[in-house]
C-alpha atoms as a PDB file:
ATOM      1  CA  MET A   1      16.180  40.222 -65.897  1.00  0.00           C
ATOM      2  CA  LYS A   2      16.546  36.497 -65.508  1.00  0.00           C
ATOM      3  CA  GLU A   3      20.311  36.714 -65.182  1.00  0.00           C
ATOM      4  CA  PRO A   4      20.321  38.903 -62.004  1.00  0.00           C
ATOM      5  CA  GLU A   5      17.768  36.597 -60.324  1.00  0.00           C
ATOM      6  CA  GLN A   6      19.886  33.608 -61.118  1.00  0.00           C
ATOM      7  CA  GLY A   7      22.942  35.381 -59.725  1.00  0.00           C
ATOM      8  CA  ILE A   8      21.122  36.223 -56.495  1.00  0.00           C
ATOM      9  CA  ARG A   9      20.021  32.613 -56.025  1.00  0.00           C
ATOM     10  CA  GLU A  10      23.541  31.351 -56.560  1.00  0.00           C
ATOM     11  CA  THR A  11      24.951  33.960 -54.180  1.00  0.00           C
ATOM     12  CA  MET A  12      22.397  33.126 -51.447  1.00  0.00           C
ATOM     13  CA  ALA A  13      23.027  29.399 -51.871  1.00  0.00           C
ATOM     14  CA  GLY A  14      26.756  30.005 -51.590  1.00  0.00           C
ATOM     15  CA  GLN A  15      26.310  32.069 -48.436  1.00  0.00           C
ATOM     16  CA  SER A  16      24.198  29.416 -46.769  1.00  0.00           C
ATOM     17  CA  GLN A  17      26.878  26.817 -47.428  1.00  0.00           C
ATOM     18  CA  HIS A  18      30.071  28.819 -46.876  1.00  0.00           C
ATOM     19  CA  GLY A  19      29.054  31.862 -44.843  1.00  0.00           C
ATOM     20  CA  MET A  20      27.759  30.005 -41.774  1.00  0.00           C
ATOM     21  CA  ASN A  21      29.768  28.910 -38.778  1.00  0.00           C
ATOM     22  CA  PRO A  22      30.586  25.205 -39.241  1.00  0.00           C
ATOM     23  CA  HIS A  23      30.464  24.617 -35.467  1.00  0.00           C
ATOM     24  CA  LEU A  24      26.809  25.624 -35.130  1.00  0.00           C
ATOM     25  CA  PRO A  25      24.080  23.135 -36.022  1.00  0.00           C
ATOM     26  CA  THR A  26      22.282  23.872 -39.282  1.00  0.00           C
ATOM     27  CA  GLU A  27      18.881  22.746 -37.964  1.00  0.00           C
ATOM     28  CA  PRO A  28      17.363  23.716 -34.632  1.00  0.00           C
ATOM     29  CA  HIS A  29      17.626  20.915 -32.100  1.00  0.00           C
ATOM     30  CA  ASN A  30      15.202  20.632 -29.215  1.00  0.00           C
ATOM     31  CA  SER A  31      16.495  18.291 -26.507  1.00  0.00           C
ATOM     32  CA  THR A  32      13.144  18.173 -24.693  1.00  0.00           C
ATOM     33  CA  THR A  33      11.494  16.317 -27.561  1.00  0.00           C
ATOM     34  CA  ASP A  34      14.123  13.578 -27.381  1.00  0.00           C
ATOM     35  CA  SER A  35      13.607  12.797 -23.689  1.00  0.00           C
ATOM     36  CA  ALA A  36       9.845  13.406 -23.705  1.00  0.00           C
ATOM     37  CA  GLY A  37       9.270  10.542 -26.115  1.00  0.00           C
ATOM     38  CA  LEU A  38      11.028   8.052 -23.832  1.00  0.00           C
ATOM     39  CA  GLU A  39       8.921   8.639 -20.705  1.00  0.00           C
ATOM     40  CA  LEU A  40       5.236   8.930 -19.916  1.00  0.00           C
ATOM     41  CA  VAL A  41       4.473  11.614 -17.332  1.00  0.00           C
ATOM     42  CA  LEU A  42       1.376  11.027 -15.195  1.00  0.00           C
ATOM     43  CA  LYS A  43      -0.232  12.948 -12.356  1.00  0.00           C
ATOM     44  CA  VAL A  44      -0.991  10.719  -9.345  1.00  0.00           C
ATOM     45  CA  ARG A  45      -2.655  11.207  -5.959  1.00  0.00           C
ATOM     46  CA  ILE A  46      -4.393   9.245  -3.214  1.00  0.00           C
ATOM     47  CA  GLN A  47      -8.179   9.455  -3.082  1.00  0.00           C
ATOM     48  CA  ASP A  48      -9.615  11.176   0.020  1.00  0.00           C
ATOM     49  CA  SER A  49      -6.187  12.118   1.323  1.00  0.00           C
ATOM     50  CA  ARG A  50      -5.443  15.158   3.423  1.00  0.00           C
ATOM     51  CA  GLU A  51      -3.062  16.124   0.624  1.00  0.00           C
ATOM     52  CA  ASN A  52      -5.300  16.832  -2.361  1.00  0.00           C
ATOM     53  CA  ASP A  53      -2.481  17.763  -4.771  1.00  0.00           C
ATOM     54  CA  PHE A  54      -1.157  15.526  -7.526  1.00  0.00           C
ATOM     55  CA  ILE A  55       2.466  14.538  -7.941  1.00  0.00           C
ATOM     56  CA  GLU A  56       4.039  13.875 -11.321  1.00  0.00           C
ATOM     57  CA  ILE A  57       5.697  10.544 -11.964  1.00  0.00           C
ATOM     58  CA  GLU A  58       7.671   9.335 -14.971  1.00  0.00           C
ATOM     59  CA  LEU A  59       7.410   5.838 -16.418  1.00  0.00           C
ATOM     60  CA  PRO A  60       9.632   4.493 -19.208  1.00  0.00           C
ATOM     61  CA  ARG A  61       7.386   4.002 -22.247  1.00  0.00           C
ATOM     62  CA  GLN A  62       8.911   0.619 -23.054  1.00  0.00           C
ATOM     63  CA  GLU A  63       7.995  -0.633 -19.543  1.00  0.00           C
ATOM     64  CA  LEU A  64       4.355   0.481 -19.331  1.00  0.00           C
ATOM     65  CA  SER A  65       2.466  -2.036 -17.240  1.00  0.00           C
ATOM     66  CA  TYR A  66      -0.056  -2.050 -14.417  1.00  0.00           C
ATOM     67  CA  HIS A  67       2.557  -3.436 -12.031  1.00  0.00           C
ATOM     68  CA  ASN A  68       5.170  -0.759 -12.903  1.00  0.00           C
ATOM     69  CA  LEU A  69       2.641   2.066 -12.550  1.00  0.00           C
ATOM     70  CA  LEU A  70       1.584   0.686  -9.164  1.00  0.00           C
ATOM     71  CA  GLN A  71       5.172   0.289  -7.951  1.00  0.00           C
ATOM     72  CA  VAL A  72       6.359   3.735  -9.055  1.00  0.00           C
ATOM     73  CA  SER A  73       3.217   5.492  -7.764  1.00  0.00           C
ATOM     74  CA  CYS A  74       3.412   3.826  -4.377  1.00  0.00           C
ATOM     75  CA  SER A  75       7.129   4.485  -3.958  1.00  0.00           C
ATOM     76  CA  GLN A  76       6.667   8.172  -4.840  1.00  0.00           C
ATOM     77  CA  LEU A  77       3.650   8.572  -2.547  1.00  0.00           C
ATOM     78  CA  GLY A  78       5.237   6.591   0.296  1.00  0.00           C
ATOM     79  CA  ILE A  79       2.592   3.892   0.608  1.00  0.00           C
ATOM     80  CA  PRO A  80       2.863   0.099   0.320  1.00  0.00           C
ATOM     81  CA  PRO A  81       1.363  -1.379  -2.879  1.00  0.00           C
ATOM     82  CA  GLU A  82      -0.693  -3.790  -0.742  1.00  0.00           C
ATOM     83  CA  GLN A  83      -2.760  -0.830   0.458  1.00  0.00           C
ATOM     84  CA  VAL A  84      -3.982   0.002  -3.066  1.00  0.00           C
ATOM     85  CA  GLU A  85      -7.354  -1.524  -3.892  1.00  0.00           C
ATOM     86  CA  LYS A  86      -7.862   0.126  -7.315  1.00  0.00           C
ATOM     87  CA  MET A  87      -6.350   2.654  -9.698  1.00  0.00           C
ATOM     88  CA  ARG A  88      -8.629   5.114 -11.451  1.00  0.00           C
ATOM     89  CA  LYS A  89      -7.994   7.388 -14.427  1.00  0.00           C
ATOM     90  CA  LEU A  90      -9.972  10.489 -13.571  1.00  0.00           C
ATOM     91  CA  PRO A  91     -12.789  11.237 -13.792  1.00  0.00           C
ATOM     92  CA  ASN A  92     -14.293   7.738 -13.852  1.00  0.00           C
ATOM     93  CA  THR A  93     -12.301   4.953 -15.525  1.00  0.00           C
ATOM     94  CA  LEU A  94     -10.808   2.019 -13.618  1.00  0.00           C
ATOM     95  CA  LEU A  95      -7.402   0.835 -14.758  1.00  0.00           C
ATOM     96  CA  ARG A  96      -7.340  -2.973 -14.733  1.00  0.00           C
ATOM     97  CA  LYS A  97      -4.662  -4.283 -17.064  1.00  0.00           C
ATOM     98  CA  ASP A  98      -1.482  -3.474 -18.979  1.00  0.00           C
ATOM     99  CA  LYS A  99      -3.356  -2.379 -22.127  1.00  0.00           C
ATOM    100  CA  ASP A 100      -5.225   0.245 -20.090  1.00  0.00           C
ATOM    101  CA  ILE A 101      -1.879   1.638 -18.932  1.00  0.00           C
ATOM    102  CA  GLN A 102      -0.412   1.605 -22.435  1.00  0.00           C
ATOM    103  CA  ARG A 103      -3.276   3.828 -23.682  1.00  0.00           C
ATOM    104  CA  LEU A 104      -2.507   6.564 -21.143  1.00  0.00           C
ATOM    105  CA  GLN A 105      -1.206   9.886 -22.413  1.00  0.00           C
ATOM    106  CA  ASP A 106       1.061  12.477 -20.826  1.00  0.00           C
ATOM    107  CA  PHE A 107      -0.284  14.364 -17.807  1.00  0.00           C
ATOM    108  CA  GLN A 108      -3.418  12.253 -17.333  1.00  0.00           C
ATOM    109  CA  GLU A 109      -4.643  12.146 -13.737  1.00  0.00           C
ATOM    110  CA  ILE A 110      -4.562   8.858 -11.828  1.00  0.00           C
ATOM    111  CA  GLU A 111      -6.079   8.308  -8.408  1.00  0.00           C
ATOM    112  CA  LEU A 112      -5.179   5.451  -6.062  1.00  0.00           C
ATOM    113  CA  LEU A 113      -8.054   4.045  -4.019  1.00  0.00           C
ATOM    114  CA  LEU A 114      -6.775   2.532  -0.798  1.00  0.00           C
ATOM    115  CA  VAL A 115      -8.094  -0.504   1.051  1.00  0.00           C
ATOM    116  CA  LYS A 116     -10.560   0.643   3.707  1.00  0.00           C
ATOM    117  CA  SER A 117      -9.782  -1.891   6.420  1.00  0.00           C
ATOM    118  CA  GLY A 118      -6.061  -1.608   6.737  1.00  0.00           C
ATOM    119  CA  ASN A 119      -3.429  -0.494   9.145  1.00  0.00           C
ATOM    120  CA  PRO A 120      -4.846   2.168  11.484  1.00  0.00           C
ATOM    121  CA  ASP A 121      -1.699   4.216  10.902  1.00  0.00           C
ATOM    122  CA  TRP A 122      -2.537   4.401   7.195  1.00  0.00           C
ATOM    123  CA  THR A 123      -6.163   5.305   7.712  1.00  0.00           C
ATOM    124  CA  GLN A 124      -5.135   7.984  10.167  1.00  0.00           C
ATOM    125  CA  HIS A 125      -2.462   9.295   7.785  1.00  0.00           C
ATOM    126  CA  THR A 126      -4.429   9.284   4.551  1.00  0.00           C
ATOM    127  CA  ALA A 127      -8.142   9.457   5.256  1.00  0.00           C
ATOM    128  CA  LEU A 128      -9.943  12.723   5.693  1.00  0.00           C
ATOM    129  CA  PRO A 129     -11.985  13.015   8.861  1.00  0.00           C
ATOM    130  CA  ARG A 130     -15.599  12.418   7.948  1.00  0.00           C
ATOM    131  CA  THR A 131     -18.520  13.615   9.925  1.00  0.00           C
ATOM    132  CA  GLU A 132     -21.615  11.520   9.538  1.00  0.00           C
ATOM    133  CA  THR A 133     -24.738  13.627   9.282  1.00  0.00           C
ATOM    134  CA  PRO A 134     -28.157  12.167   8.705  1.00  0.00           C
ATOM    135  CA  CYS A 135     -29.460  12.848   5.243  1.00  0.00           C
ATOM    136  CA  TYR A 136     -33.103  12.421   6.209  1.00  0.00           C
ATOM    137  CA  ASN A 137     -35.011  15.697   6.148  1.00  0.00           C
ATOM    138  CA  SER A 138     -38.197  15.431   8.175  1.00  0.00           C
ATOM    139  CA  ASN A 139     -39.624  18.669   6.711  1.00  0.00           C
ATOM    140  CA  ALA A 140     -39.225  17.312   3.187  1.00  0.00           C
ATOM    141  CA  ALA A 141     -41.010  14.104   4.192  1.00  0.00           C
ATOM    142  CA  LYS A 142     -44.087  16.090   5.261  1.00  0.00           C
ATOM    143  CA  MET A 143     -44.380  17.999   1.989  1.00  0.00           C
ATOM    144  CA  THR A 144     -46.974  16.922  -0.516  1.00  0.00           C
ATOM    145  CA  TYR A 145     -46.657  17.380  -4.217  1.00  0.00           C
END
């Protein structure tokens, strides 16, 4: 019984070498893995903007720096970099230096906090209208516990 098994193995090995089309690749090739490793994809938006959606930006992984993230984000969002006071990785982490940027992973959410006292055109364009309502509740002040 060992002889037929050996014959089958040799036949299958021969088919895999000679029976396949030489023009087709022998291993599956996924082109998305090649390009995905070269760029970091981040989701970016402006805090308190009328547009609440994120946009996706791509940064070359070999050029990850605070300055590059700021430049690319601002150019994609259409705002001047001078208007950005801070960058925050959501939910609650400020990005301050190049090492912070280099630790980011694909599809993390970044929020740009704009300078409050800036060009009135920018505040009109980006800021949500806020209605100030007093937070003092006179009924609650009269309650005793």
